[in-house]
């Protein structure tokens, strides 16, 4: 735990130990381990148990890797090339809710997919791996490359790997390769009413 990662209240160390590095060793991940990370996501909380998340994965040095990797912006390609796997998280925009027979818009699909991402990140930390979520990708190219229907929202692409020495990164990224802090809880939680500055 660094000084920037001191909780304001007692919590399990997992929550401050987890962070999103960019330096990866290039060590491959065995498919059973990768599936174990996705298994954790399968058990994430979900509104009405709709389970809108879907995962498209690719291990480096497989045929599945390049079509997904090629959709990342150049900046992310620069460091994610050493990840062991990429995981695309998408979520179904509609669901069949209890008591209904037809699909209806699911307002919580992205919220639930976020819970699945967090589950992957925490399971990776517990297993000695790291996960880094990315927003920098070409959505149209990714949708086409992975065959994702329009009925699914593109949420993120994760890079998963073994954390490596920051010297592996381009010089401009080395100074940023450390766990970052969080705003104090007093700025994030209020009792009874919204009292935060906008």
N, C-alpha and C. Protein backbone atom coordinates (compact mmCIF):
# COMPACT_ATOMS: atom_id res chain seq x y z
N UNK A 1 0.83 -1.18 0.00
CA UNK A 1 0.00 0.00 0.00
C UNK A 1 0.88 1.25 0.00
N UNK A 2 0.62 2.16 -0.93
CA UNK A 2 1.37 3.42 -0.97
C UNK A 2 0.64 4.48 -0.17
N UNK A 3 1.30 5.61 0.01
CA UNK A 3 0.68 6.71 0.75
C UNK A 3 -0.60 7.17 0.05
N UNK A 4 -0.59 7.14 -1.28
CA UNK A 4 -1.76 7.56 -2.04
C UNK A 4 -2.90 6.55 -1.94
N UNK A 5 -2.62 5.38 -1.39
CA UNK A 5 -3.61 4.31 -1.33
C UNK A 5 -3.94 3.94 0.11
N UNK A 6 -4.12 4.91 0.94
CA UNK A 6 -4.53 4.67 2.32
C UNK A 6 -6.04 4.88 2.43
N UNK A 7 -6.79 3.85 2.82
CA UNK A 7 -8.24 4.03 2.93
C UNK A 7 -8.60 4.93 4.11
N UNK A 8 -9.72 5.63 3.98
CA UNK A 8 -10.22 6.47 5.06
C UNK A 8 -10.87 5.64 6.17
N UNK A 9 -11.32 4.45 5.82
CA UNK A 9 -12.00 3.56 6.76
C UNK A 9 -11.50 2.14 6.50
N UNK A 10 -11.61 1.23 7.46
CA UNK A 10 -11.09 -0.12 7.29
C UNK A 10 -11.78 -0.88 6.15
N UNK A 11 -10.99 -1.43 5.24
CA UNK A 11 -11.49 -2.28 4.16
C UNK A 11 -10.47 -3.38 3.91
N UNK A 12 -10.87 -4.39 3.17
CA UNK A 12 -9.95 -5.45 2.78
C UNK A 12 -8.87 -4.87 1.87
N UNK A 13 -7.65 -5.31 2.04
CA UNK A 13 -6.53 -4.75 1.27
C UNK A 13 -6.68 -4.98 -0.23
N UNK A 14 -7.50 -5.92 -0.66
CA UNK A 14 -7.72 -6.16 -2.08
C UNK A 14 -8.12 -4.88 -2.80
N UNK A 15 -8.93 -4.05 -2.15
CA UNK A 15 -9.47 -2.87 -2.81
C UNK A 15 -8.42 -1.78 -3.04
N UNK A 16 -7.39 -1.74 -2.23
CA UNK A 16 -6.32 -0.77 -2.47
C UNK A 16 -5.14 -1.40 -3.21
N UNK A 17 -5.03 -2.72 -3.16
CA UNK A 17 -3.95 -3.39 -3.88
C UNK A 17 -4.21 -3.44 -5.39
N UNK A 18 -5.49 -3.47 -5.78
CA UNK A 18 -5.84 -3.52 -7.19
C UNK A 18 -5.57 -2.16 -7.85
N UNK A 19 -4.87 -2.19 -8.98
CA UNK A 19 -4.71 -0.99 -9.79
C UNK A 19 -4.51 -1.42 -11.23
N UNK A 20 -4.38 -0.47 -12.13
CA UNK A 20 -4.36 -0.76 -13.56
C UNK A 20 -3.02 -0.40 -14.19
N UNK A 21 -2.05 -1.28 -14.09
CA UNK A 21 -0.74 -0.98 -14.69
C UNK A 21 -0.79 -1.09 -16.22
N UNK A 22 0.22 -0.53 -16.85
CA UNK A 22 0.38 -0.67 -18.30
C UNK A 22 1.60 -1.52 -18.65
N UNK A 23 2.52 -1.68 -17.71
CA UNK A 23 3.73 -2.47 -17.98
C UNK A 23 3.43 -3.95 -17.74
N UNK A 24 3.50 -4.73 -18.80
CA UNK A 24 3.28 -6.17 -18.71
C UNK A 24 4.52 -6.91 -19.18
N UNK A 25 4.76 -8.06 -18.59
CA UNK A 25 5.97 -8.83 -18.87
C UNK A 25 5.93 -9.55 -20.22
N UNK A 26 4.74 -9.77 -20.75
CA UNK A 26 4.62 -10.57 -21.97
C UNK A 26 4.39 -12.04 -21.67
N UNK A 27 4.40 -12.41 -20.38
CA UNK A 27 4.16 -13.81 -20.02
C UNK A 27 2.76 -14.22 -20.47
N UNK A 28 2.64 -15.38 -21.13
CA UNK A 28 1.32 -15.82 -21.57
C UNK A 28 0.44 -16.25 -20.39
N UNK A 29 -0.85 -16.19 -20.61
CA UNK A 29 -1.80 -16.64 -19.61
C UNK A 29 -2.43 -17.94 -20.11
N UNK A 30 -2.47 -18.94 -19.26
CA UNK A 30 -3.09 -20.21 -19.63
C UNK A 30 -4.60 -20.00 -19.75
N UNK A 31 -5.21 -20.68 -20.69
CA UNK A 31 -6.64 -20.51 -20.91
C UNK A 31 -7.46 -20.80 -19.65
N UNK A 32 -7.14 -21.85 -18.87
CA UNK A 32 -7.93 -22.05 -17.64
C UNK A 32 -7.86 -20.87 -16.68
N UNK A 33 -6.72 -20.20 -16.59
CA UNK A 33 -6.61 -19.02 -15.72
C UNK A 33 -7.47 -17.88 -16.27
N UNK A 34 -7.40 -17.65 -17.57
CA UNK A 34 -8.21 -16.60 -18.18
C UNK A 34 -9.70 -16.86 -17.96
N UNK A 35 -10.10 -18.11 -18.13
CA UNK A 35 -11.51 -18.46 -17.92
C UNK A 35 -11.90 -18.31 -16.45
N UNK A 36 -10.96 -18.51 -15.55
CA UNK A 36 -11.23 -18.29 -14.14
C UNK A 36 -11.55 -16.83 -13.86
N UNK A 37 -10.86 -15.91 -14.52
CA UNK A 37 -11.16 -14.48 -14.36
C UNK A 37 -12.56 -14.17 -14.88
N UNK A 38 -12.91 -14.77 -16.01
CA UNK A 38 -14.25 -14.55 -16.57
C UNK A 38 -15.32 -15.21 -15.72
N UNK A 39 -14.98 -16.31 -15.09
CA UNK A 39 -15.92 -16.98 -14.18
C UNK A 39 -16.29 -16.06 -13.02
N UNK A 40 -15.32 -15.31 -12.52
CA UNK A 40 -15.62 -14.35 -11.44
C UNK A 40 -16.63 -13.32 -11.94
N UNK A 41 -16.46 -12.87 -13.17
CA UNK A 41 -17.38 -11.88 -13.74
C UNK A 41 -18.78 -12.45 -13.92
N UNK A 42 -18.87 -13.73 -14.20
CA UNK A 42 -20.17 -14.38 -14.39
C UNK A 42 -21.04 -14.25 -13.15
N UNK A 43 -20.41 -14.11 -11.98
CA UNK A 43 -21.13 -14.07 -10.71
C UNK A 43 -21.34 -12.65 -10.20
N UNK A 44 -21.12 -11.67 -11.04
CA UNK A 44 -21.32 -10.27 -10.64
C UNK A 44 -22.80 -9.99 -10.37
N UNK A 45 -23.10 -9.00 -9.54
CA UNK A 45 -24.50 -8.62 -9.32
C UNK A 45 -25.14 -8.13 -10.62
N UNK A 46 -26.45 -8.35 -10.75
CA UNK A 46 -27.14 -7.99 -11.98
C UNK A 46 -28.60 -7.67 -11.69
N UNK A 47 -29.07 -6.53 -12.18
CA UNK A 47 -30.47 -6.15 -12.00
C UNK A 47 -31.38 -7.21 -12.62
N UNK A 48 -32.34 -7.68 -11.85
CA UNK A 48 -33.28 -8.72 -12.28
C UNK A 48 -32.57 -9.99 -12.76
N UNK A 49 -31.31 -10.14 -12.39
CA UNK A 49 -30.49 -11.27 -12.84
C UNK A 49 -30.46 -11.38 -14.37
N UNK A 50 -30.49 -10.23 -15.04
CA UNK A 50 -30.52 -10.23 -16.50
C UNK A 50 -29.18 -10.65 -17.11
N UNK A 51 -28.09 -10.48 -16.37
CA UNK A 51 -26.75 -10.89 -16.82
C UNK A 51 -26.47 -10.42 -18.25
N UNK A 52 -26.46 -9.11 -18.47
CA UNK A 52 -26.33 -8.59 -19.84
C UNK A 52 -24.92 -8.69 -20.42
N UNK A 53 -23.94 -8.96 -19.59
CA UNK A 53 -22.56 -8.96 -20.04
C UNK A 53 -22.25 -10.14 -20.96
N UNK A 54 -21.36 -9.90 -21.91
CA UNK A 54 -20.78 -10.94 -22.76
C UNK A 54 -19.30 -10.60 -22.89
N UNK A 55 -18.47 -11.64 -23.01
CA UNK A 55 -17.01 -11.46 -23.04
C UNK A 55 -16.45 -12.11 -24.29
N UNK A 56 -15.66 -11.37 -25.03
CA UNK A 56 -14.96 -11.90 -26.20
C UNK A 56 -13.48 -11.79 -25.88
N UNK A 57 -12.80 -12.91 -25.83
CA UNK A 57 -11.41 -12.91 -25.37
C UNK A 57 -10.46 -13.38 -26.46
N UNK A 58 -9.22 -12.93 -26.33
CA UNK A 58 -8.17 -13.33 -27.26
C UNK A 58 -6.85 -13.39 -26.51
N UNK A 59 -6.19 -14.53 -26.57
CA UNK A 59 -4.84 -14.64 -26.01
C UNK A 59 -3.83 -14.19 -27.06
N UNK A 60 -2.76 -13.53 -26.59
CA UNK A 60 -1.73 -13.08 -27.52
C UNK A 60 -1.15 -14.30 -28.24
N UNK A 61 -0.73 -14.09 -29.46
CA UNK A 61 -0.15 -15.14 -30.31
C UNK A 61 -1.16 -16.21 -30.69
N UNK A 62 -2.44 -15.81 -30.75
CA UNK A 62 -3.47 -16.66 -31.34
C UNK A 62 -4.11 -15.88 -32.49
N UNK A 63 -4.87 -16.56 -33.32
CA UNK A 63 -5.51 -15.90 -34.46
C UNK A 63 -6.55 -14.88 -34.00
N UNK A 64 -7.07 -15.03 -32.81
CA UNK A 64 -8.10 -14.12 -32.30
C UNK A 64 -7.53 -12.77 -31.89
N UNK A 65 -6.23 -12.71 -31.62
CA UNK A 65 -5.61 -11.51 -31.04
C UNK A 65 -5.62 -10.32 -32.00
N UNK A 66 -5.07 -10.49 -33.18
CA UNK A 66 -4.80 -9.35 -34.07
C UNK A 66 -6.06 -8.57 -34.45
N UNK A 67 -7.18 -9.23 -34.80
CA UNK A 67 -8.37 -8.43 -35.16
C UNK A 67 -8.84 -7.50 -34.04
N UNK A 68 -8.72 -7.93 -32.80
CA UNK A 68 -9.12 -7.09 -31.67
C UNK A 68 -8.03 -6.06 -31.37
N UNK A 69 -6.78 -6.51 -31.33
CA UNK A 69 -5.67 -5.60 -31.04
C UNK A 69 -5.63 -4.44 -32.03
N UNK A 70 -5.91 -4.72 -33.29
CA UNK A 70 -5.83 -3.70 -34.35
C UNK A 70 -6.85 -2.58 -34.16
N UNK A 71 -7.87 -2.81 -33.35
CA UNK A 71 -8.89 -1.77 -33.14
C UNK A 71 -8.51 -0.80 -32.02
N UNK A 72 -7.46 -1.12 -31.26
CA UNK A 72 -7.03 -0.21 -30.20
C UNK A 72 -6.36 1.02 -30.79
N UNK A 73 -6.51 2.15 -30.13
CA UNK A 73 -5.82 3.35 -30.59
C UNK A 73 -4.31 3.12 -30.45
N UNK A 74 -3.54 3.87 -31.21
CA UNK A 74 -2.09 3.66 -31.25
C UNK A 74 -1.45 3.74 -29.86
N UNK A 75 -1.92 4.69 -29.06
CA UNK A 75 -1.37 4.84 -27.70
C UNK A 75 -1.53 3.54 -26.92
N UNK A 76 -2.71 2.95 -26.94
CA UNK A 76 -2.94 1.71 -26.20
C UNK A 76 -2.21 0.52 -26.81
N UNK A 77 -2.08 0.50 -28.12
CA UNK A 77 -1.32 -0.57 -28.76
C UNK A 77 0.13 -0.57 -28.28
N UNK A 78 0.66 0.64 -28.01
CA UNK A 78 2.06 0.76 -27.60
C UNK A 78 2.40 -0.03 -26.36
N UNK A 79 1.47 -0.10 -25.40
CA UNK A 79 1.75 -0.86 -24.18
C UNK A 79 0.98 -2.18 -24.11
N UNK A 80 -0.22 -2.23 -24.69
CA UNK A 80 -1.04 -3.44 -24.59
C UNK A 80 -0.49 -4.59 -25.43
N UNK A 81 0.46 -4.29 -26.31
CA UNK A 81 1.07 -5.37 -27.12
C UNK A 81 1.74 -6.43 -26.26
N UNK A 82 2.08 -6.09 -25.02
CA UNK A 82 2.74 -7.05 -24.13
C UNK A 82 1.78 -7.74 -23.17
N UNK A 83 0.48 -7.44 -23.29
CA UNK A 83 -0.51 -8.11 -22.45
C UNK A 83 -0.62 -9.58 -22.86
N UNK A 84 -1.10 -10.38 -21.95
CA UNK A 84 -1.28 -11.80 -22.23
C UNK A 84 -2.60 -12.07 -22.94
N UNK A 85 -3.59 -11.23 -22.69
CA UNK A 85 -4.91 -11.42 -23.29
C UNK A 85 -5.64 -10.09 -23.38
N UNK A 86 -6.57 -10.03 -24.29
CA UNK A 86 -7.51 -8.92 -24.40
C UNK A 86 -8.91 -9.48 -24.20
N UNK A 87 -9.73 -8.74 -23.49
CA UNK A 87 -11.12 -9.15 -23.27
C UNK A 87 -12.01 -7.97 -23.63
N UNK A 88 -12.91 -8.19 -24.56
CA UNK A 88 -13.91 -7.18 -24.92
C UNK A 88 -15.15 -7.45 -24.07
N UNK A 89 -15.63 -6.43 -23.39
CA UNK A 89 -16.87 -6.56 -22.63
C UNK A 89 -17.96 -5.79 -23.35
N UNK A 90 -19.03 -6.48 -23.67
CA UNK A 90 -20.21 -5.87 -24.27
C UNK A 90 -21.40 -6.19 -23.38
N UNK A 91 -22.49 -5.44 -23.57
CA UNK A 91 -23.68 -5.71 -22.76
C UNK A 91 -24.93 -5.59 -23.61
N UNK A 92 -25.88 -6.49 -23.36
CA UNK A 92 -27.14 -6.50 -24.09
C UNK A 92 -27.99 -5.30 -23.69
N UNK A 93 -28.43 -4.55 -24.67
CA UNK A 93 -29.23 -3.36 -24.41
C UNK A 93 -30.65 -3.69 -23.94
N UNK A 94 -31.10 -4.91 -24.21
CA UNK A 94 -32.45 -5.32 -23.84
C UNK A 94 -32.40 -6.60 -23.04
N UNK A 95 -33.48 -6.86 -22.31
CA UNK A 95 -33.60 -8.08 -21.51
C UNK A 95 -35.07 -8.46 -21.40
N UNK A 96 -35.33 -9.72 -21.13
CA UNK A 96 -36.67 -10.18 -20.82
C UNK A 96 -36.78 -10.19 -19.30
N UNK A 97 -37.59 -9.31 -18.76
CA UNK A 97 -37.70 -9.17 -17.32
C UNK A 97 -38.76 -10.11 -16.76
N UNK A 98 -38.70 -10.40 -15.45
CA UNK A 98 -39.68 -11.30 -14.84
C UNK A 98 -41.12 -10.87 -15.13
N UNK A 99 -41.93 -11.83 -15.50
CA UNK A 99 -43.33 -11.55 -15.79
C UNK A 99 -43.58 -11.08 -17.21
N UNK A 100 -42.51 -10.94 -18.00
CA UNK A 100 -42.65 -10.49 -19.38
C UNK A 100 -42.25 -11.60 -20.32
N UNK A 101 -42.74 -11.52 -21.54
CA UNK A 101 -42.35 -12.51 -22.56
C UNK A 101 -41.52 -11.88 -23.67
N UNK A 102 -41.57 -10.54 -23.77
CA UNK A 102 -40.82 -9.84 -24.82
C UNK A 102 -39.67 -9.04 -24.21
N UNK A 103 -38.63 -8.88 -25.00
CA UNK A 103 -37.49 -8.09 -24.55
C UNK A 103 -37.87 -6.61 -24.47
N UNK A 104 -37.30 -5.95 -23.47
CA UNK A 104 -37.53 -4.51 -23.26
C UNK A 104 -36.19 -3.85 -22.98
N UNK A 105 -36.09 -2.54 -23.18
CA UNK A 105 -34.82 -1.86 -22.88
C UNK A 105 -34.39 -2.09 -21.44
N UNK A 106 -33.11 -2.37 -21.26
CA UNK A 106 -32.53 -2.60 -19.93
C UNK A 106 -31.67 -1.38 -19.58
N UNK A 107 -32.21 -0.52 -18.74
CA UNK A 107 -31.50 0.72 -18.39
C UNK A 107 -30.23 0.47 -17.59
N UNK A 108 -30.06 -0.73 -17.07
CA UNK A 108 -28.95 -1.02 -16.16
C UNK A 108 -27.86 -1.87 -16.81
N UNK A 109 -27.92 -2.07 -18.13
CA UNK A 109 -26.97 -3.00 -18.76
C UNK A 109 -25.53 -2.56 -18.58
N UNK A 110 -25.24 -1.27 -18.73
CA UNK A 110 -23.86 -0.81 -18.57
C UNK A 110 -23.42 -0.85 -17.11
N UNK A 111 -24.33 -0.52 -16.22
CA UNK A 111 -24.04 -0.59 -14.79
C UNK A 111 -23.63 -2.02 -14.40
N UNK A 112 -24.40 -2.99 -14.87
CA UNK A 112 -24.10 -4.38 -14.56
C UNK A 112 -22.78 -4.83 -15.20
N UNK A 113 -22.51 -4.38 -16.43
CA UNK A 113 -21.25 -4.73 -17.09
C UNK A 113 -20.07 -4.16 -16.31
N UNK A 114 -20.27 -2.99 -15.69
CA UNK A 114 -19.22 -2.42 -14.84
C UNK A 114 -18.93 -3.31 -13.64
N UNK A 115 -19.97 -3.90 -13.07
CA UNK A 115 -19.78 -4.82 -11.95
C UNK A 115 -18.99 -6.06 -12.41
N UNK A 116 -19.26 -6.51 -13.63
CA UNK A 116 -18.53 -7.66 -14.17
C UNK A 116 -17.06 -7.30 -14.38
N UNK A 117 -16.78 -6.10 -14.89
CA UNK A 117 -15.40 -5.65 -15.07
C UNK A 117 -14.67 -5.61 -13.73
N UNK A 118 -15.33 -5.07 -12.71
CA UNK A 118 -14.70 -5.00 -11.39
C UNK A 118 -14.39 -6.40 -10.88
N UNK A 119 -15.28 -7.33 -11.13
CA UNK A 119 -15.06 -8.71 -10.67
C UNK A 119 -13.84 -9.31 -11.34
N UNK A 120 -13.68 -9.06 -12.63
CA UNK A 120 -12.48 -9.54 -13.34
C UNK A 120 -11.23 -8.90 -12.72
N UNK A 121 -11.28 -7.60 -12.50
CA UNK A 121 -10.11 -6.88 -11.97
C UNK A 121 -9.71 -7.40 -10.60
N UNK A 122 -10.69 -7.64 -9.73
CA UNK A 122 -10.37 -8.13 -8.39
C UNK A 122 -9.89 -9.57 -8.42
N UNK A 123 -10.51 -10.42 -9.25
CA UNK A 123 -10.06 -11.81 -9.35
C UNK A 123 -8.65 -11.87 -9.92
N UNK A 124 -8.36 -11.00 -10.89
CA UNK A 124 -7.01 -10.97 -11.46
C UNK A 124 -5.99 -10.61 -10.38
N UNK A 125 -6.31 -9.62 -9.56
CA UNK A 125 -5.40 -9.22 -8.48
C UNK A 125 -5.17 -10.38 -7.51
N UNK A 126 -6.23 -11.06 -7.14
CA UNK A 126 -6.11 -12.20 -6.23
C UNK A 126 -5.25 -13.30 -6.82
N UNK A 127 -5.29 -13.45 -8.14
CA UNK A 127 -4.57 -14.53 -8.81
C UNK A 127 -3.16 -14.13 -9.24
N UNK A 128 -2.73 -12.90 -8.91
CA UNK A 128 -1.39 -12.47 -9.28
C UNK A 128 -1.27 -11.89 -10.68
N UNK A 129 -2.40 -11.52 -11.28
CA UNK A 129 -2.41 -10.89 -12.59
C UNK A 129 -2.91 -9.47 -12.45
N UNK A 130 -2.87 -8.72 -13.53
CA UNK A 130 -3.38 -7.35 -13.54
C UNK A 130 -4.29 -7.16 -14.74
N UNK A 131 -5.26 -6.27 -14.57
CA UNK A 131 -6.19 -5.95 -15.66
C UNK A 131 -6.27 -4.44 -15.80
N UNK A 132 -6.32 -3.98 -17.04
CA UNK A 132 -6.40 -2.54 -17.32
C UNK A 132 -7.50 -2.33 -18.35
N UNK A 133 -8.55 -1.61 -17.96
CA UNK A 133 -9.65 -1.32 -18.88
C UNK A 133 -9.31 -0.14 -19.77
N UNK A 134 -9.75 -0.23 -21.02
CA UNK A 134 -9.44 0.81 -22.01
C UNK A 134 -10.71 1.32 -22.68
N UNK A 135 -10.76 2.63 -22.87
CA UNK A 135 -11.82 3.25 -23.67
C UNK A 135 -11.29 3.59 -25.05
N UNK A 136 -9.98 3.55 -25.24
CA UNK A 136 -9.35 3.95 -26.50
C UNK A 136 -9.34 2.83 -27.52
N UNK A 137 -10.44 2.72 -28.26
CA UNK A 137 -10.52 1.75 -29.35
C UNK A 137 -11.49 2.29 -30.39
N UNK A 138 -11.39 1.79 -31.61
CA UNK A 138 -12.27 2.20 -32.69
C UNK A 138 -13.52 1.31 -32.60
N UNK A 139 -14.61 1.88 -32.14
CA UNK A 139 -15.82 1.09 -31.88
C UNK A 139 -16.36 0.42 -33.13
N UNK A 140 -16.39 1.14 -34.24
CA UNK A 140 -16.94 0.56 -35.48
C UNK A 140 -16.08 -0.61 -35.96
N UNK A 141 -14.77 -0.42 -35.92
CA UNK A 141 -13.86 -1.51 -36.34
C UNK A 141 -13.97 -2.71 -35.41
N UNK A 142 -14.07 -2.44 -34.11
CA UNK A 142 -14.17 -3.54 -33.14
C UNK A 142 -15.47 -4.31 -33.34
N UNK A 143 -16.56 -3.58 -33.54
CA UNK A 143 -17.84 -4.25 -33.74
C UNK A 143 -17.77 -5.18 -34.95
N UNK A 144 -17.16 -4.69 -36.03
CA UNK A 144 -17.03 -5.50 -37.24
C UNK A 144 -16.05 -6.66 -37.05
N UNK A 145 -14.90 -6.37 -36.45
CA UNK A 145 -13.87 -7.40 -36.30
C UNK A 145 -14.33 -8.57 -35.43
N UNK A 146 -15.12 -8.27 -34.40
CA UNK A 146 -15.55 -9.31 -33.47
C UNK A 146 -16.98 -9.78 -33.73
N UNK A 147 -17.63 -9.23 -34.76
CA UNK A 147 -18.97 -9.67 -35.12
C UNK A 147 -20.01 -9.35 -34.06
N UNK A 148 -19.92 -8.16 -33.46
CA UNK A 148 -20.81 -7.78 -32.36
C UNK A 148 -22.06 -7.10 -32.91
N UNK A 149 -23.24 -7.66 -32.64
CA UNK A 149 -24.47 -7.03 -33.16
C UNK A 149 -24.73 -5.68 -32.52
N UNK A 150 -25.52 -4.85 -33.20
CA UNK A 150 -25.87 -3.52 -32.69
C UNK A 150 -26.72 -3.59 -31.42
N UNK A 151 -27.30 -4.73 -31.14
CA UNK A 151 -28.12 -4.88 -29.93
C UNK A 151 -27.26 -4.94 -28.67
N UNK A 152 -25.94 -4.95 -28.84
CA UNK A 152 -25.01 -4.97 -27.70
C UNK A 152 -24.20 -3.69 -27.68
N UNK A 153 -24.05 -3.11 -26.50
CA UNK A 153 -23.23 -1.92 -26.32
C UNK A 153 -21.78 -2.34 -26.08
N UNK A 154 -20.84 -1.62 -26.69
CA UNK A 154 -19.42 -1.86 -26.45
C UNK A 154 -19.04 -1.12 -25.18
N UNK A 155 -18.58 -1.84 -24.17
CA UNK A 155 -18.26 -1.22 -22.88
C UNK A 155 -16.78 -0.90 -22.73
N UNK A 156 -15.93 -1.87 -22.97
CA UNK A 156 -14.49 -1.67 -22.78
C UNK A 156 -13.72 -2.81 -23.42
N UNK A 157 -12.43 -2.61 -23.57
CA UNK A 157 -11.50 -3.68 -23.88
C UNK A 157 -10.51 -3.73 -22.73
N UNK A 158 -10.32 -4.91 -22.18
CA UNK A 158 -9.38 -5.09 -21.07
C UNK A 158 -8.09 -5.69 -21.58
N UNK A 159 -6.97 -5.21 -21.05
CA UNK A 159 -5.68 -5.86 -21.24
C UNK A 159 -5.36 -6.57 -19.94
N UNK A 160 -5.02 -7.84 -20.04
CA UNK A 160 -4.70 -8.66 -18.86
C UNK A 160 -3.29 -9.19 -19.01
N UNK A 161 -2.50 -9.08 -17.95
CA UNK A 161 -1.14 -9.59 -18.01
C UNK A 161 -0.48 -9.60 -16.65
N UNK A 162 0.74 -10.09 -16.64
CA UNK A 162 1.57 -10.05 -15.43
C UNK A 162 2.26 -8.69 -15.38
N UNK A 163 2.13 -8.03 -14.24
CA UNK A 163 2.72 -6.70 -14.10
C UNK A 163 4.24 -6.80 -14.23
N UNK A 164 4.80 -5.93 -15.05
CA UNK A 164 6.24 -5.94 -15.28
C UNK A 164 6.90 -4.64 -14.86
N UNK A 165 8.18 -4.56 -15.09
CA UNK A 165 8.98 -3.38 -14.75
C UNK A 165 8.55 -2.20 -15.63
N UNK A 166 8.44 -1.02 -15.03
CA UNK A 166 8.01 0.15 -15.80
C UNK A 166 9.03 0.54 -16.87
N UNK A 167 10.25 0.01 -16.77
CA UNK A 167 11.25 0.28 -17.82
C UNK A 167 10.81 -0.31 -19.16
N UNK A 168 9.83 -1.21 -19.14
CA UNK A 168 9.31 -1.81 -20.37
C UNK A 168 8.47 -0.80 -21.16
N UNK A 169 8.05 0.26 -20.51
CA UNK A 169 7.17 1.24 -21.13
C UNK A 169 7.94 2.32 -21.87
N UNK A 170 7.26 3.01 -22.78
CA UNK A 170 7.83 4.19 -23.41
C UNK A 170 8.13 5.22 -22.33
N UNK A 171 9.13 6.04 -22.55
CA UNK A 171 9.61 6.96 -21.52
C UNK A 171 8.49 7.84 -20.95
N UNK A 172 7.59 8.31 -21.79
CA UNK A 172 6.53 9.20 -21.33
C UNK A 172 5.54 8.55 -20.37
N UNK A 173 5.48 7.23 -20.37
CA UNK A 173 4.53 6.52 -19.50
C UNK A 173 5.14 6.07 -18.18
N UNK A 174 6.45 6.05 -18.09
CA UNK A 174 7.10 5.49 -16.90
C UNK A 174 6.72 6.23 -15.62
N UNK A 175 6.64 7.54 -15.68
CA UNK A 175 6.33 8.33 -14.48
C UNK A 175 4.91 8.09 -14.00
N UNK A 176 4.02 7.65 -14.91
CA UNK A 176 2.62 7.41 -14.56
C UNK A 176 2.37 6.00 -14.06
N UNK A 177 3.37 5.15 -14.12
CA UNK A 177 3.19 3.72 -13.80
C UNK A 177 3.27 3.50 -12.30
N UNK A 178 2.20 3.87 -11.63
CA UNK A 178 2.11 3.66 -10.19
C UNK A 178 0.65 3.71 -9.79
N UNK A 179 0.29 3.08 -8.67
CA UNK A 179 -1.10 3.17 -8.22
C UNK A 179 -1.47 4.62 -7.92
N UNK A 180 -2.64 5.03 -8.37
CA UNK A 180 -3.06 6.40 -8.10
C UNK A 180 -3.98 6.44 -6.89
N UNK A 181 -4.26 7.63 -6.43
CA UNK A 181 -5.09 7.79 -5.24
C UNK A 181 -6.55 7.93 -5.57
N UNK A 182 -7.34 8.26 -4.57
CA UNK A 182 -8.76 8.48 -4.72
C UNK A 182 -9.15 9.73 -3.93
N UNK A 183 -10.23 10.36 -4.34
CA UNK A 183 -10.76 11.47 -3.56
C UNK A 183 -11.16 10.96 -2.18
N UNK A 184 -11.09 11.81 -1.17
CA UNK A 184 -11.53 11.37 0.16
C UNK A 184 -13.02 11.05 0.15
N UNK A 185 -13.42 10.12 0.98
CA UNK A 185 -14.81 9.70 1.04
C UNK A 185 -15.73 10.86 1.38
N UNK A 186 -15.24 11.84 2.13
CA UNK A 186 -16.06 13.00 2.50
C UNK A 186 -16.50 13.80 1.27
N UNK A 187 -15.77 13.67 0.14
CA UNK A 187 -16.15 14.36 -1.09
C UNK A 187 -17.06 13.50 -1.97
N UNK A 188 -17.28 12.26 -1.56
CA UNK A 188 -18.01 11.32 -2.41
C UNK A 188 -19.31 10.80 -1.78
N UNK A 189 -19.45 10.92 -0.48
CA UNK A 189 -20.61 10.35 0.21
C UNK A 189 -21.26 11.42 1.08
N UNK A 190 -22.58 11.52 0.98
CA UNK A 190 -23.34 12.50 1.77
C UNK A 190 -24.59 11.82 2.30
N UNK A 191 -24.99 12.18 3.49
CA UNK A 191 -26.16 11.56 4.11
C UNK A 191 -27.44 12.32 3.72
N UNK A 192 -28.34 11.62 3.08
CA UNK A 192 -29.67 12.13 2.86
C UNK A 192 -29.91 13.03 1.65
N UNK A 193 -28.94 13.84 1.28
CA UNK A 193 -29.13 14.78 0.17
C UNK A 193 -27.85 14.94 -0.64
N UNK A 194 -28.01 15.31 -1.90
CA UNK A 194 -26.89 15.60 -2.78
C UNK A 194 -26.30 16.95 -2.37
N UNK A 195 -25.08 16.90 -1.85
CA UNK A 195 -24.44 18.13 -1.38
C UNK A 195 -23.10 18.38 -2.08
N UNK A 196 -22.92 17.74 -3.21
CA UNK A 196 -21.63 17.81 -3.91
C UNK A 196 -21.61 18.97 -4.88
N UNK A 197 -20.42 19.54 -5.09
CA UNK A 197 -20.28 20.59 -6.10
C UNK A 197 -20.41 19.97 -7.49
N UNK A 198 -21.00 20.71 -8.40
CA UNK A 198 -21.22 20.16 -9.76
C UNK A 198 -20.08 20.52 -10.69
